[in-house]
Amino acid sequence: MTTLKSKLKEDLHTAMKARDELTSSTLRLTLTAITKEEVSGTSARELSDDEVQKVIAKEAKKRREAAEAFAQGGRTEQAEREKAEGELLEGYLPKQLTDDELNVIVASAVEEARAAGAEGPRAMGAVMKIVNPKVAGLAEGGRVAAAVKKLLAG
């Protein structure tokens, strides 16, 4: 069974042979972030695929934010590159939930929390506790929180 990390390494090797600078530099930086995560803490360890996915998601998010910042600063070329790197990394992640799919999950969690007696703004924490495990890796925290707020206010 191929791990996600070994797939990244294989793809890096292929990209280097093809002289694909964008892919090789993006994958190199991501593998460095994974290694950094593996040696952080008290003892070095091999990350699970889920943990590797979290690192990739974090790297992809950094690229998206950098692309937005560059775009706002009028630095289109850098923005395009960051965006391309982010899209490349997202190819290694599970497909993100659509807004409709996310809203269905959030709506059922809101019902569940209400049934347990959580109401109003205080229900936010209770709903997030129900939703987060269901959408882990499939939707960004900010999107989830926004959907929960919207449904609780509605």
C-alpha atoms as a PDB file:
ATOM      1  CA  MET A   1       0.000   0.000   0.000  1.00  0.00           C
ATOM      2  CA  THR A   2       1.362   3.368  -0.996  1.00  0.00           C
ATOM      3  CA  THR A   3       1.239   6.041   1.651  1.00  0.00           C
ATOM      4  CA  LEU A   4       0.313   9.600   0.774  1.00  0.00           C
ATOM      5  CA  LYS A   5       3.836  10.692   1.691  1.00  0.00           C
ATOM      6  CA  SER A   6       5.452   8.176  -0.681  1.00  0.00           C
ATOM      7  CA  LYS A   7       3.062   9.289  -3.442  1.00  0.00           C
ATOM      8  CA  LEU A   8       4.240  12.881  -2.892  1.00  0.00           C
ATOM      9  CA  LYS A   9       7.857  11.687  -3.141  1.00  0.00           C
ATOM     10  CA  GLU A  10       7.155   9.736  -6.354  1.00  0.00           C
ATOM     11  CA  ASP A  11       5.368  12.717  -7.880  1.00  0.00           C
ATOM     12  CA  LEU A  12       8.270  14.976  -6.879  1.00  0.00           C
ATOM     13  CA  HIS A  13      10.697  12.610  -8.613  1.00  0.00           C
ATOM     14  CA  THR A  14       8.540  12.576 -11.767  1.00  0.00           C
ATOM     15  CA  ALA A  15       8.221  16.377 -11.723  1.00  0.00           C
ATOM     16  CA  MET A  16      11.999  16.788 -11.351  1.00  0.00           C
ATOM     17  CA  LYS A  17      12.615  14.484 -14.326  1.00  0.00           C
ATOM     18  CA  ALA A  18      10.069  16.462 -16.356  1.00  0.00           C
ATOM     19  CA  ARG A  19      11.723  19.712 -15.220  1.00  0.00           C
ATOM     20  CA  ASP A  20       8.335  20.863 -13.882  1.00  0.00           C
ATOM     21  CA  GLU A  21       9.586  23.635 -11.604  1.00  0.00           C
ATOM     22  CA  LEU A  22       6.199  24.586 -10.112  1.00  0.00           C
ATOM     23  CA  THR A  23       5.308  21.026  -9.103  1.00  0.00           C
ATOM     24  CA  SER A  24       8.768  20.116  -7.837  1.00  0.00           C
ATOM     25  CA  SER A  25       9.165  23.221  -5.689  1.00  0.00           C
ATOM     26  CA  THR A  26       5.615  22.907  -4.293  1.00  0.00           C
ATOM     27  CA  LEU A  27       6.045  19.216  -3.438  1.00  0.00           C
ATOM     28  CA  ARG A  28       9.509  19.826  -2.012  1.00  0.00           C
ATOM     29  CA  LEU A  29       8.156  22.508   0.353  1.00  0.00           C
ATOM     30  CA  THR A  30       5.240  20.271   1.340  1.00  0.00           C
ATOM     31  CA  LEU A  31       7.514  17.288   2.056  1.00  0.00           C
ATOM     32  CA  THR A  32       9.683  19.607   4.170  1.00  0.00           C
ATOM     33  CA  ALA A  33       6.585  20.666   6.137  1.00  0.00           C
ATOM     34  CA  ILE A  34       5.703  16.980   6.648  1.00  0.00           C
ATOM     35  CA  THR A  35       9.228  16.162   7.842  1.00  0.00           C
ATOM     36  CA  LYS A  36       9.142  19.170  10.179  1.00  0.00           C
ATOM     37  CA  GLU A  37       5.875  17.868  11.634  1.00  0.00           C
ATOM     38  CA  GLU A  38       7.399  14.374  12.028  1.00  0.00           C
ATOM     39  CA  VAL A  39      10.350  15.618  14.053  1.00  0.00           C
ATOM     40  CA  SER A  40       8.409  18.118  16.142  1.00  0.00           C
ATOM     41  CA  GLY A  41       7.437  16.951  19.595  1.00  0.00           C
ATOM     42  CA  THR A  42       9.353  14.670  21.896  1.00  0.00           C
ATOM     43  CA  SER A  43      10.236  11.893  19.453  1.00  0.00           C
ATOM     44  CA  ALA A  44      10.437  11.589  15.682  1.00  0.00           C
ATOM     45  CA  ARG A  45       7.679   9.520  14.116  1.00  0.00           C
ATOM     46  CA  GLU A  46       6.111   8.666  10.771  1.00  0.00           C
ATOM     47  CA  LEU A  47       2.883  10.605  10.138  1.00  0.00           C
ATOM     48  CA  SER A  48      -0.304   8.752   9.235  1.00  0.00           C
ATOM     49  CA  ASP A  49      -2.022   9.571   5.937  1.00  0.00           C
ATOM     50  CA  ASP A  50      -4.619  11.593   7.878  1.00  0.00           C
ATOM     51  CA  GLU A  51      -1.872  13.648   9.524  1.00  0.00           C
ATOM     52  CA  VAL A  52      -0.116  14.111   6.164  1.00  0.00           C
ATOM     53  CA  GLN A  53      -3.442  15.308   4.738  1.00  0.00           C
ATOM     54  CA  LYS A  54      -3.707  17.884   7.519  1.00  0.00           C
ATOM     55  CA  VAL A  55      -0.225  19.184   6.653  1.00  0.00           C
ATOM     56  CA  ILE A  56      -1.136  19.347   2.944  1.00  0.00           C
ATOM     57  CA  ALA A  57      -4.407  21.146   3.778  1.00  0.00           C
ATOM     58  CA  LYS A  58      -2.500  23.656   5.920  1.00  0.00           C
ATOM     59  CA  GLU A  59       0.010  24.231   3.088  1.00  0.00           C
ATOM     60  CA  ALA A  60      -2.806  24.635   0.531  1.00  0.00           C
ATOM     61  CA  LYS A  61      -4.555  27.147   2.804  1.00  0.00           C
ATOM     62  CA  LYS A  62      -1.306  29.143   3.150  1.00  0.00           C
ATOM     63  CA  ARG A  63      -1.079  29.294  -0.658  1.00  0.00           C
ATOM     64  CA  ARG A  64      -4.699  30.480  -1.001  1.00  0.00           C
ATOM     65  CA  GLU A  65      -4.172  33.210   1.597  1.00  0.00           C
ATOM     66  CA  ALA A  66      -0.890  34.288   0.005  1.00  0.00           C
ATOM     67  CA  ALA A  67      -2.559  34.385  -3.434  1.00  0.00           C
ATOM     68  CA  GLU A  68      -5.281  36.671  -2.054  1.00  0.00           C
ATOM     69  CA  ALA A  69      -2.710  38.925  -0.394  1.00  0.00           C
ATOM     70  CA  PHE A  70      -0.622  39.153  -3.579  1.00  0.00           C
ATOM     71  CA  ALA A  71      -3.735  39.839  -5.678  1.00  0.00           C
ATOM     72  CA  GLN A  72      -4.793  42.653  -3.344  1.00  0.00           C
ATOM     73  CA  GLY A  73      -1.277  44.077  -3.534  1.00  0.00           C
ATOM     74  CA  GLY A  74      -1.464  44.076  -7.323  1.00  0.00           C
ATOM     75  CA  ARG A  75       1.210  41.392  -7.672  1.00  0.00           C
ATOM     76  CA  THR A  76      -0.660  39.235 -10.162  1.00  0.00           C
ATOM     77  CA  GLU A  77       2.256  37.009 -11.155  1.00  0.00           C
ATOM     78  CA  GLN A  78       2.978  35.917  -7.569  1.00  0.00           C
ATOM     79  CA  ALA A  79      -0.764  35.551  -6.917  1.00  0.00           C
ATOM     80  CA  GLU A  80      -1.103  33.232  -9.933  1.00  0.00           C
ATOM     81  CA  ARG A  81       1.822  31.119  -8.798  1.00  0.00           C
ATOM     82  CA  GLU A  82       0.499  30.773  -5.223  1.00  0.00           C
ATOM     83  CA  LYS A  83      -2.922  29.891  -6.626  1.00  0.00           C
ATOM     84  CA  ALA A  84      -1.400  27.243  -8.924  1.00  0.00           C
ATOM     85  CA  GLU A  85       0.564  25.753  -6.008  1.00  0.00           C
ATOM     86  CA  GLY A  86      -2.590  25.668  -3.869  1.00  0.00           C
ATOM     87  CA  GLU A  87      -4.570  23.922  -6.616  1.00  0.00           C
ATOM     88  CA  LEU A  88      -1.773  21.405  -7.087  1.00  0.00           C
ATOM     89  CA  LEU A  89      -1.846  20.549  -3.369  1.00  0.00           C
ATOM     90  CA  GLU A  90      -5.633  20.317  -3.300  1.00  0.00           C
ATOM     91  CA  GLY A  91      -5.308  17.491  -5.817  1.00  0.00           C
ATOM     92  CA  TYR A  92      -3.866  15.376  -2.973  1.00  0.00           C
ATOM     93  CA  LEU A  93      -6.792  16.084  -0.647  1.00  0.00           C
ATOM     94  CA  PRO A  94     -10.254  14.524  -0.557  1.00  0.00           C
ATOM     95  CA  LYS A  95     -12.807  16.468  -2.580  1.00  0.00           C
ATOM     96  CA  GLN A  96     -14.199  19.335  -0.506  1.00  0.00           C
ATOM     97  CA  LEU A  97     -17.894  19.364   0.391  1.00  0.00           C
ATOM     98  CA  THR A  98     -20.122  21.664  -1.638  1.00  0.00           C
ATOM     99  CA  ASP A  99     -21.983  24.411   0.238  1.00  0.00           C
ATOM    100  CA  ASP A 100     -25.212  22.393  -0.082  1.00  0.00           C
ATOM    101  CA  GLU A 101     -23.613  19.220   1.316  1.00  0.00           C
ATOM    102  CA  LEU A 102     -22.084  21.215   4.178  1.00  0.00           C
ATOM    103  CA  ASN A 103     -25.409  22.916   4.966  1.00  0.00           C
ATOM    104  CA  VAL A 104     -27.212  19.556   5.165  1.00  0.00           C
ATOM    105  CA  ILE A 105     -24.655  18.250   7.687  1.00  0.00           C
ATOM    106  CA  VAL A 106     -24.769  21.496   9.692  1.00  0.00           C
ATOM    107  CA  ALA A 107     -28.595  21.578   9.686  1.00  0.00           C
ATOM    108  CA  SER A 108     -28.806  18.061  11.124  1.00  0.00           C
ATOM    109  CA  ALA A 109     -26.185  18.971  13.760  1.00  0.00           C
ATOM    110  CA  VAL A 110     -28.194  22.098  14.707  1.00  0.00           C
ATOM    111  CA  GLU A 111     -31.291  19.896  15.178  1.00  0.00           C
ATOM    112  CA  GLU A 112     -29.252  17.420  17.234  1.00  0.00           C
ATOM    113  CA  ALA A 113     -27.881  20.229  19.450  1.00  0.00           C
ATOM    114  CA  ARG A 114     -31.368  21.767  19.893  1.00  0.00           C
ATOM    115  CA  ALA A 115     -32.734  18.351  20.871  1.00  0.00           C
ATOM    116  CA  ALA A 116     -29.979  18.201  23.501  1.00  0.00           C
ATOM    117  CA  GLY A 117     -31.109  21.610  24.801  1.00  0.00           C
ATOM    118  CA  ALA A 118     -28.505  23.901  23.213  1.00  0.00           C
ATOM    119  CA  GLU A 119     -30.104  27.150  22.023  1.00  0.00           C
ATOM    120  CA  GLY A 120     -29.034  30.493  20.564  1.00  0.00           C
ATOM    121  CA  PRO A 121     -25.414  31.669  20.320  1.00  0.00           C
ATOM    122  CA  ARG A 122     -24.347  29.251  23.048  1.00  0.00           C
ATOM    123  CA  ALA A 123     -25.307  26.382  20.752  1.00  0.00           C
ATOM    124  CA  MET A 124     -22.353  27.234  18.486  1.00  0.00           C
ATOM    125  CA  GLY A 125     -19.880  25.128  20.487  1.00  0.00           C
ATOM    126  CA  ALA A 126     -22.272  22.202  20.780  1.00  0.00           C
ATOM    127  CA  VAL A 127     -23.018  22.233  17.043  1.00  0.00           C
ATOM    128  CA  MET A 128     -19.314  22.531  16.118  1.00  0.00           C
ATOM    129  CA  LYS A 129     -18.562  19.483  18.312  1.00  0.00           C
ATOM    130  CA  ILE A 130     -21.102  17.468  16.333  1.00  0.00           C
ATOM    131  CA  VAL A 131     -20.127  18.808  12.886  1.00  0.00           C
ATOM    132  CA  ASN A 132     -16.311  18.790  13.072  1.00  0.00           C
ATOM    133  CA  PRO A 133     -15.745  15.005  13.153  1.00  0.00           C
ATOM    134  CA  LYS A 134     -18.197  14.586  10.251  1.00  0.00           C
ATOM    135  CA  VAL A 135     -16.509  17.120   7.984  1.00  0.00           C
ATOM    136  CA  ALA A 136     -12.858  16.685   9.033  1.00  0.00           C
ATOM    137  CA  GLY A 137     -10.681  17.202   5.968  1.00  0.00           C
ATOM    138  CA  LEU A 138     -13.725  17.825   3.757  1.00  0.00           C
ATOM    139  CA  ALA A 139     -14.387  21.472   4.626  1.00  0.00           C
ATOM    140  CA  GLU A 140     -12.273  24.271   6.044  1.00  0.00           C
ATOM    141  CA  GLY A 141     -12.944  25.353   9.633  1.00  0.00           C
ATOM    142  CA  GLY A 142     -13.877  28.899   8.616  1.00  0.00           C
ATOM    143  CA  ARG A 143     -16.480  27.668   6.123  1.00  0.00           C
ATOM    144  CA  VAL A 144     -17.943  25.297   8.719  1.00  0.00           C
ATOM    145  CA  ALA A 145     -18.149  28.015  11.396  1.00  0.00           C
ATOM    146  CA  ALA A 146     -19.798  30.443   8.936  1.00  0.00           C
ATOM    147  CA  ALA A 147     -22.402  27.835   7.935  1.00  0.00           C
ATOM    148  CA  VAL A 148     -23.151  27.054  11.614  1.00  0.00           C
ATOM    149  CA  LYS A 149     -23.493  30.764  12.500  1.00  0.00           C
ATOM    150  CA  LYS A 150     -25.796  31.340   9.535  1.00  0.00           C
ATOM    151  CA  LEU A 151     -28.092  28.446  10.447  1.00  0.00           C
ATOM    152  CA  LEU A 152     -28.153  29.315  14.143  1.00  0.00           C
ATOM    153  CA  ALA A 153     -29.060  32.930  13.372  1.00  0.00           C
ATOM    154  CA  GLY A 154     -31.697  31.894  10.810  1.00  0.00           C
END
